[in-house]
Amino acid sequence: MAKADGKQAGGDLWTAANIAKELGVSDGKVKKAIAALKLAPDAKKGVCCYYGAAAKKKIAAAIS
């Protein structure tokens, strides 16, 4: 079974873990930033939440 990623979920979407990996921070920091910003996922697949480029920029700004 192939691992789900943003491309398979329908475009340029990333999970919190993928965003954390790209930013070089922990998953926890990204998840806390998402909660603090009250961001809604752009897509969901099962229990996985996927975030788009706009959300990714907001998360990066909140962490920096």
Protein backbone atom coordinates (compact mmCIF):
# COMPACT_ATOMS: atom_id res chain seq x y z
CA MET A 1 0.00 0.00 0.00
CA ALA A 2 1.40 3.38 -1.00
CA LYS A 3 1.96 6.03 1.62
CA ALA A 4 -0.50 8.90 1.24
CA ASP A 5 1.01 12.28 0.50
CA GLY A 6 -0.31 15.66 -0.56
CA LYS A 7 -0.07 14.86 -4.26
CA GLN A 8 -2.38 11.87 -3.83
CA ALA A 9 -4.77 13.85 -1.60
CA GLY A 10 -5.49 16.28 -4.41
CA GLY A 11 -2.85 18.90 -5.04
CA ASP A 12 -0.13 20.63 -3.10
CA LEU A 13 -1.14 19.61 0.41
CA TRP A 14 1.00 18.67 3.38
CA THR A 15 0.44 16.97 6.71
CA ALA A 16 1.67 18.61 9.92
CA ALA A 17 4.56 16.12 9.96
CA ASN A 18 5.58 17.01 6.39
CA ILE A 19 5.45 20.73 7.19
CA ALA A 20 7.57 20.15 10.30
CA LYS A 21 10.13 18.20 8.27
CA GLU A 22 10.41 20.98 5.69
CA LEU A 23 10.74 23.68 8.36
CA GLY A 24 13.21 21.65 10.43
CA VAL A 25 11.12 21.77 13.61
CA SER A 26 9.26 19.19 15.69
CA ASP A 27 5.77 17.95 14.84
CA GLY A 28 4.59 19.30 18.18
CA LYS A 29 5.60 22.87 17.33
CA VAL A 30 3.69 22.70 14.05
CA LYS A 31 0.62 21.19 15.73
CA LYS A 32 0.69 23.88 18.43
CA ALA A 33 0.96 26.58 15.74
CA ILE A 34 -2.00 25.06 13.88
CA ALA A 35 -4.07 25.04 17.08
CA ALA A 36 -3.03 28.61 18.01
CA LEU A 37 -3.91 29.87 14.53
CA LYS A 38 -7.15 27.84 14.55
CA LEU A 39 -6.43 26.58 11.05
CA ALA A 40 -8.91 24.20 9.48
CA PRO A 41 -7.46 21.51 7.23
CA ASP A 42 -7.91 21.99 3.50
CA ALA A 43 -8.54 18.26 3.14
CA LYS A 44 -8.94 15.20 5.32
CA LYS A 45 -8.28 11.58 4.53
CA GLY A 46 -9.20 9.32 7.41
CA VAL A 47 -7.63 10.89 10.48
CA CYS A 48 -4.96 12.75 8.49
CA CYS A 49 -5.34 16.48 7.99
CA TYR A 50 -3.78 18.14 4.97
CA TYR A 51 -2.91 21.84 4.76
CA GLY A 52 -2.35 23.98 1.67
CA ALA A 53 0.32 26.52 0.79
CA ALA A 54 -1.46 29.45 2.48
CA ALA A 55 -1.71 27.55 5.77
CA LYS A 56 1.90 26.43 5.41
CA LYS A 57 3.04 30.07 5.13
CA LYS A 58 1.01 31.06 8.21
CA ILE A 59 2.48 28.16 10.19
CA ALA A 60 6.03 29.08 9.14
CA ALA A 61 5.46 32.70 10.17
CA ALA A 62 4.01 31.66 13.54
CA ILE A 63 6.98 29.41 14.29
CA SER A 64 9.69 31.89 13.25
